[in-house]
Amino acid sequence: MEALLVSTGVVALAEIGDKTQLLAFILAARFKKPLPIIAGILCATIINHGLAGALGAWITSMVTPEVMRWVLGASFIRDNPLDFFHCRRELHRLPCIGPQALKPRSSFA
């Protein structure tokens, strides 16, 4: 039970500011009925996570761990290989990686 509560708490903290939460706030403020909105979101979340878990269990029963390792690695590379070489300081406030890291930085940027 402790593992369930800890993982639920961590996910809840990670999801603060999520689009679903913001939509729930807007709908609750507009229609002045927060309980049906929260109940609907709770049901949808439980169904979504249940289906995702069932699909994940089915996939792991059909695919070997070796193949899963390659698929997971490819999914990270597939995401956007150019992200490794493009500076996105404006969006993420992270230091540049790749060719742009060699350019001199202005103190006014």
N, C-alpha and C. Protein backbone atom coordinates (compact mmCIF):
# COMPACT_ATOMS: atom_id res chain seq x y z
N MET A 1 0.82 -1.20 0.00
CA MET A 1 0.00 0.00 0.00
C MET A 1 0.87 1.27 0.00
N GLU A 2 2.03 1.16 0.69
CA GLU A 2 2.92 2.32 0.74
C GLU A 2 3.44 2.68 -0.66
N ALA A 3 3.78 1.65 -1.44
CA ALA A 3 4.28 1.90 -2.80
C ALA A 3 3.20 2.57 -3.65
N LEU A 4 1.96 2.16 -3.50
CA LEU A 4 0.85 2.78 -4.25
C LEU A 4 0.72 4.24 -3.88
N LEU A 5 0.74 4.54 -2.58
CA LEU A 5 0.56 5.92 -2.14
C LEU A 5 1.74 6.80 -2.56
N VAL A 6 2.95 6.28 -2.46
CA VAL A 6 4.12 7.06 -2.86
C VAL A 6 4.10 7.34 -4.35
N SER A 7 3.85 6.30 -5.15
CA SER A 7 3.84 6.51 -6.61
C SER A 7 2.70 7.43 -7.03
N THR A 8 1.54 7.31 -6.39
CA THR A 8 0.43 8.20 -6.71
C THR A 8 0.77 9.64 -6.35
N GLY A 9 1.41 9.83 -5.21
CA GLY A 9 1.81 11.17 -4.81
C GLY A 9 2.83 11.79 -5.74
N VAL A 10 3.79 10.98 -6.17
CA VAL A 10 4.82 11.47 -7.09
C VAL A 10 4.20 11.87 -8.43
N VAL A 11 3.31 11.03 -8.94
CA VAL A 11 2.66 11.36 -10.21
C VAL A 11 1.80 12.60 -10.06
N ALA A 12 1.08 12.72 -8.94
CA ALA A 12 0.25 13.91 -8.72
C ALA A 12 1.10 15.17 -8.68
N LEU A 13 2.25 15.12 -8.02
CA LEU A 13 3.14 16.28 -7.99
C LEU A 13 3.70 16.60 -9.37
N ALA A 14 4.02 15.56 -10.13
CA ALA A 14 4.59 15.77 -11.47
C ALA A 14 3.57 16.37 -12.43
N GLU A 15 2.30 16.12 -12.18
CA GLU A 15 1.26 16.57 -13.10
C GLU A 15 0.71 17.96 -12.77
N ILE A 16 1.26 18.62 -11.75
CA ILE A 16 0.77 19.96 -11.42
C ILE A 16 1.02 20.87 -12.62
N GLY A 17 0.00 21.57 -13.04
CA GLY A 17 0.11 22.45 -14.19
C GLY A 17 -0.14 21.75 -15.50
N ASP A 18 -0.54 20.50 -15.46
CA ASP A 18 -0.85 19.75 -16.66
C ASP A 18 -2.07 20.36 -17.34
N LYS A 19 -2.18 20.17 -18.64
CA LYS A 19 -3.32 20.72 -19.39
C LYS A 19 -4.65 20.20 -18.86
N THR A 20 -4.69 18.94 -18.44
CA THR A 20 -5.92 18.38 -17.91
C THR A 20 -6.33 19.09 -16.63
N GLN A 21 -5.37 19.38 -15.79
CA GLN A 21 -5.67 20.06 -14.54
C GLN A 21 -6.15 21.49 -14.82
N LEU A 22 -5.49 22.16 -15.74
CA LEU A 22 -5.92 23.51 -16.09
C LEU A 22 -7.32 23.51 -16.70
N LEU A 23 -7.61 22.52 -17.53
CA LEU A 23 -8.95 22.40 -18.11
C LEU A 23 -9.98 22.14 -17.02
N ALA A 24 -9.64 21.31 -16.03
CA ALA A 24 -10.55 21.04 -14.92
C ALA A 24 -10.85 22.32 -14.15
N PHE A 25 -9.83 23.13 -13.90
CA PHE A 25 -10.05 24.39 -13.19
C PHE A 25 -10.98 25.31 -13.98
N ILE A 26 -10.75 25.40 -15.28
CA ILE A 26 -11.58 26.27 -16.12
C ILE A 26 -13.02 25.78 -16.17
N LEU A 27 -13.21 24.47 -16.37
CA LEU A 27 -14.58 23.92 -16.40
C LEU A 27 -15.28 24.08 -15.07
N ALA A 28 -14.58 23.84 -13.98
CA ALA A 28 -15.18 23.98 -12.65
C ALA A 28 -15.57 25.44 -12.38
N ALA A 29 -14.73 26.36 -12.81
CA ALA A 29 -15.04 27.78 -12.61
C ALA A 29 -16.20 28.22 -13.49
N ARG A 30 -16.28 27.69 -14.70
CA ARG A 30 -17.33 28.11 -15.63
C ARG A 30 -18.68 27.54 -15.26
N PHE A 31 -18.74 26.25 -14.92
CA PHE A 31 -20.03 25.61 -14.69
C PHE A 31 -20.39 25.53 -13.21
N LYS A 32 -19.51 25.92 -12.34
CA LYS A 32 -19.76 25.97 -10.89
C LYS A 32 -20.17 24.62 -10.31
N LYS A 33 -19.76 23.52 -10.95
CA LYS A 33 -20.04 22.17 -10.46
C LYS A 33 -18.75 21.35 -10.53
N PRO A 34 -17.87 21.50 -9.56
CA PRO A 34 -16.57 20.83 -9.65
C PRO A 34 -16.64 19.31 -9.44
N LEU A 35 -17.59 18.83 -8.65
CA LEU A 35 -17.61 17.39 -8.35
C LEU A 35 -17.86 16.51 -9.57
N PRO A 36 -18.83 16.81 -10.43
CA PRO A 36 -18.97 15.96 -11.63
C PRO A 36 -17.77 16.04 -12.57
N ILE A 37 -17.13 17.20 -12.63
CA ILE A 37 -15.96 17.36 -13.49
C ILE A 37 -14.80 16.53 -12.93
N ILE A 38 -14.57 16.61 -11.64
CA ILE A 38 -13.50 15.84 -11.01
C ILE A 38 -13.78 14.34 -11.14
N ALA A 39 -15.04 13.94 -10.94
CA ALA A 39 -15.39 12.52 -11.06
C ALA A 39 -15.17 12.02 -12.49
N GLY A 40 -15.52 12.83 -13.48
CA GLY A 40 -15.30 12.45 -14.87
C GLY A 40 -13.83 12.31 -15.20
N ILE A 41 -13.02 13.24 -14.72
CA ILE A 41 -11.58 13.17 -14.95
C ILE A 41 -10.99 11.95 -14.25
N LEU A 42 -11.45 11.66 -13.03
CA LEU A 42 -10.97 10.50 -12.29
C LEU A 42 -11.30 9.21 -13.04
N CYS A 43 -12.54 9.08 -13.52
CA CYS A 43 -12.93 7.88 -14.27
C CYS A 43 -12.10 7.74 -15.55
N ALA A 44 -11.95 8.83 -16.28
CA ALA A 44 -11.18 8.79 -17.53
C ALA A 44 -9.72 8.42 -17.25
N THR A 45 -9.15 8.94 -16.18
CA THR A 45 -7.76 8.64 -15.84
C THR A 45 -7.60 7.18 -15.46
N ILE A 46 -8.52 6.65 -14.67
CA ILE A 46 -8.45 5.24 -14.26
C ILE A 46 -8.57 4.33 -15.48
N ILE A 47 -9.51 4.62 -16.37
CA ILE A 47 -9.68 3.81 -17.58
C ILE A 47 -8.44 3.90 -18.46
N ASN A 48 -7.91 5.12 -18.64
CA ASN A 48 -6.73 5.32 -19.48
C ASN A 48 -5.53 4.56 -18.93
N HIS A 49 -5.29 4.65 -17.62
CA HIS A 49 -4.15 3.96 -17.03
C HIS A 49 -4.36 2.45 -17.04
N GLY A 50 -5.58 2.00 -16.85
CA GLY A 50 -5.86 0.57 -16.91
C GLY A 50 -5.59 0.00 -18.30
N LEU A 51 -6.06 0.71 -19.33
CA LEU A 51 -5.81 0.26 -20.70
C LEU A 51 -4.32 0.30 -21.04
N ALA A 52 -3.63 1.33 -20.59
CA ALA A 52 -2.19 1.43 -20.86
C ALA A 52 -1.44 0.30 -20.17
N GLY A 53 -1.82 -0.02 -18.95
CA GLY A 53 -1.18 -1.13 -18.24
C GLY A 53 -1.46 -2.47 -18.90
N ALA A 54 -2.70 -2.67 -19.33
CA ALA A 54 -3.05 -3.93 -20.00
C ALA A 54 -2.30 -4.06 -21.33
N LEU A 55 -2.22 -2.98 -22.08
CA LEU A 55 -1.48 -3.02 -23.34
C LEU A 55 0.00 -3.27 -23.10
N GLY A 56 0.57 -2.62 -22.08
CA GLY A 56 1.98 -2.84 -21.76
C GLY A 56 2.25 -4.27 -21.33
N ALA A 57 1.35 -4.85 -20.54
CA ALA A 57 1.51 -6.25 -20.12
C ALA A 57 1.42 -7.19 -21.32
N TRP A 58 0.51 -6.90 -22.24
CA TRP A 58 0.36 -7.75 -23.43
C TRP A 58 1.60 -7.65 -24.31
N ILE A 59 2.12 -6.43 -24.50
CA ILE A 59 3.30 -6.25 -25.34
C ILE A 59 4.51 -6.96 -24.73
N THR A 60 4.69 -6.84 -23.41
CA THR A 60 5.84 -7.51 -22.79
C THR A 60 5.72 -9.02 -22.81
N SER A 61 4.50 -9.54 -22.92
CA SER A 61 4.36 -10.99 -23.02
C SER A 61 4.64 -11.49 -24.44
N MET A 62 4.57 -10.60 -25.42
CA MET A 62 4.77 -10.97 -26.81
C MET A 62 6.19 -10.70 -27.31
N VAL A 63 6.92 -9.81 -26.64
CA VAL A 63 8.22 -9.35 -27.13
C VAL A 63 9.29 -9.72 -26.11
N THR A 64 10.44 -10.13 -26.59
CA THR A 64 11.54 -10.49 -25.70
C THR A 64 12.19 -9.23 -25.09
N PRO A 65 12.86 -9.37 -23.95
CA PRO A 65 13.53 -8.21 -23.36
C PRO A 65 14.59 -7.59 -24.28
N GLU A 66 15.25 -8.42 -25.08
CA GLU A 66 16.25 -7.89 -26.03
C GLU A 66 15.60 -6.94 -27.03
N VAL A 67 14.47 -7.34 -27.58
CA VAL A 67 13.77 -6.48 -28.54
C VAL A 67 13.26 -5.23 -27.85
N MET A 68 12.74 -5.38 -26.62
CA MET A 68 12.23 -4.21 -25.88
C MET A 68 13.34 -3.19 -25.65
N ARG A 69 14.56 -3.66 -25.37
CA ARG A 69 15.69 -2.77 -25.16
C ARG A 69 15.97 -1.95 -26.41
N TRP A 70 15.94 -2.60 -27.57
CA TRP A 70 16.19 -1.89 -28.83
C TRP A 70 15.06 -0.92 -29.16
N VAL A 71 13.84 -1.33 -28.92
CA VAL A 71 12.70 -0.45 -29.20
C VAL A 71 12.76 0.78 -28.30
N LEU A 72 13.08 0.59 -27.03
CA LEU A 72 13.18 1.72 -26.12
C LEU A 72 14.30 2.66 -26.55
N GLY A 73 15.45 2.11 -26.90
CA GLY A 73 16.55 2.96 -27.37
C GLY A 73 16.19 3.72 -28.63
N ALA A 74 15.54 3.04 -29.57
CA ALA A 74 15.13 3.69 -30.82
C ALA A 74 14.08 4.77 -30.57
N SER A 75 13.24 4.57 -29.58
CA SER A 75 12.21 5.58 -29.30
C SER A 75 12.83 6.88 -28.81
N PHE A 76 13.93 6.80 -28.08
CA PHE A 76 14.61 8.01 -27.64
C PHE A 76 15.29 8.71 -28.81
N ILE A 77 15.88 7.95 -29.70
CA ILE A 77 16.55 8.53 -30.86
C ILE A 77 15.54 9.08 -31.84
N ARG A 78 14.44 8.38 -32.03
CA ARG A 78 13.40 8.78 -32.97
C ARG A 78 12.74 10.08 -32.58
N ASP A 79 12.71 10.37 -31.29
CA ASP A 79 11.97 11.53 -30.80
C ASP A 79 12.30 12.78 -31.60
N ASN A 80 13.54 13.12 -31.71
CA ASN A 80 14.00 14.19 -32.58
C ASN A 80 15.51 14.26 -32.51
N PRO A 81 16.18 13.59 -33.43
CA PRO A 81 17.64 13.57 -33.36
C PRO A 81 18.27 14.95 -33.46
N LEU A 82 17.59 15.89 -34.09
CA LEU A 82 18.17 17.23 -34.23
C LEU A 82 18.16 18.00 -32.92
N ASP A 83 17.38 17.57 -31.93
CA ASP A 83 17.38 18.25 -30.64
C ASP A 83 18.75 18.21 -29.98
N PHE A 84 19.56 17.22 -30.32
CA PHE A 84 20.88 17.14 -29.74
C PHE A 84 21.78 18.26 -30.24
N PHE A 85 21.48 18.83 -31.40
CA PHE A 85 22.37 19.80 -32.02
C PHE A 85 21.80 21.22 -32.07
N HIS A 86 20.58 21.39 -31.63
CA HIS A 86 19.97 22.72 -31.69
C HIS A 86 19.86 23.30 -30.29
N CYS A 87 20.15 24.54 -30.21
CA CYS A 87 20.07 25.23 -28.92
C CYS A 87 18.64 25.71 -28.72
N ARG A 88 18.06 25.36 -27.59
CA ARG A 88 16.69 25.77 -27.30
C ARG A 88 16.66 26.49 -25.95
N ARG A 89 17.59 27.39 -25.75
CA ARG A 89 17.66 28.10 -24.47
C ARG A 89 16.40 28.88 -24.18
N GLU A 90 15.76 29.41 -25.22
CA GLU A 90 14.57 30.23 -25.00
C GLU A 90 13.44 29.41 -24.39
N LEU A 91 13.33 28.15 -24.80
CA LEU A 91 12.24 27.30 -24.32
C LEU A 91 12.59 26.59 -23.02
N HIS A 92 13.77 26.04 -22.93
CA HIS A 92 14.11 25.16 -21.83
C HIS A 92 15.11 25.75 -20.84
N ARG A 93 15.76 26.83 -21.19
CA ARG A 93 16.78 27.43 -20.35
C ARG A 93 17.90 26.45 -20.02
N LEU A 94 18.26 25.63 -21.00
CA LEU A 94 19.34 24.68 -20.84
C LEU A 94 20.54 25.16 -21.64
N PRO A 95 21.75 24.77 -21.25
CA PRO A 95 22.91 25.15 -22.06
C PRO A 95 22.87 24.46 -23.42
N CYS A 96 23.50 25.08 -24.39
CA CYS A 96 23.53 24.51 -25.73
C CYS A 96 24.38 23.25 -25.78
N ILE A 97 23.98 22.34 -26.65
CA ILE A 97 24.77 21.15 -26.93
C ILE A 97 24.94 21.12 -28.44
N GLY A 98 26.12 20.87 -28.91
CA GLY A 98 26.34 20.77 -30.35
C GLY A 98 27.09 21.96 -30.89
N PRO A 99 26.95 22.21 -32.19
CA PRO A 99 27.74 23.27 -32.84
C PRO A 99 27.51 24.65 -32.25
N GLN A 100 26.28 24.96 -31.82
CA GLN A 100 26.02 26.31 -31.29
C GLN A 100 26.72 26.55 -29.97
N ALA A 101 27.12 25.53 -29.28
CA ALA A 101 27.79 25.69 -27.99
C ALA A 101 29.16 26.33 -28.17
N LEU A 102 29.73 26.26 -29.38
CA LEU A 102 31.05 26.81 -29.63
C LEU A 102 31.01 28.30 -29.95
N LYS A 103 29.83 28.83 -30.29
CA LYS A 103 29.72 30.24 -30.63
C LYS A 103 29.80 31.08 -29.35
N PRO A 104 30.43 32.25 -29.45
CA PRO A 104 30.48 33.12 -28.26
C PRO A 104 29.07 33.59 -27.88
N ARG A 105 28.83 33.65 -26.59
CA ARG A 105 27.51 34.05 -26.10
C ARG A 105 27.54 35.52 -25.71
N SER A 106 26.48 36.21 -26.06
CA SER A 106 26.33 37.60 -25.67
C SER A 106 25.75 37.65 -24.26
N SER A 107 26.19 38.61 -23.47
CA SER A 107 25.67 38.72 -22.12
C SER A 107 24.26 39.29 -22.11
N PHE A 108 23.79 39.79 -23.25
CA PHE A 108 22.47 40.37 -23.34
C PHE A 108 21.42 39.39 -23.83
N ALA A 109 21.80 38.15 -24.15
CA ALA A 109 20.86 37.17 -24.70
C ALA A 109 19.96 36.61 -23.63
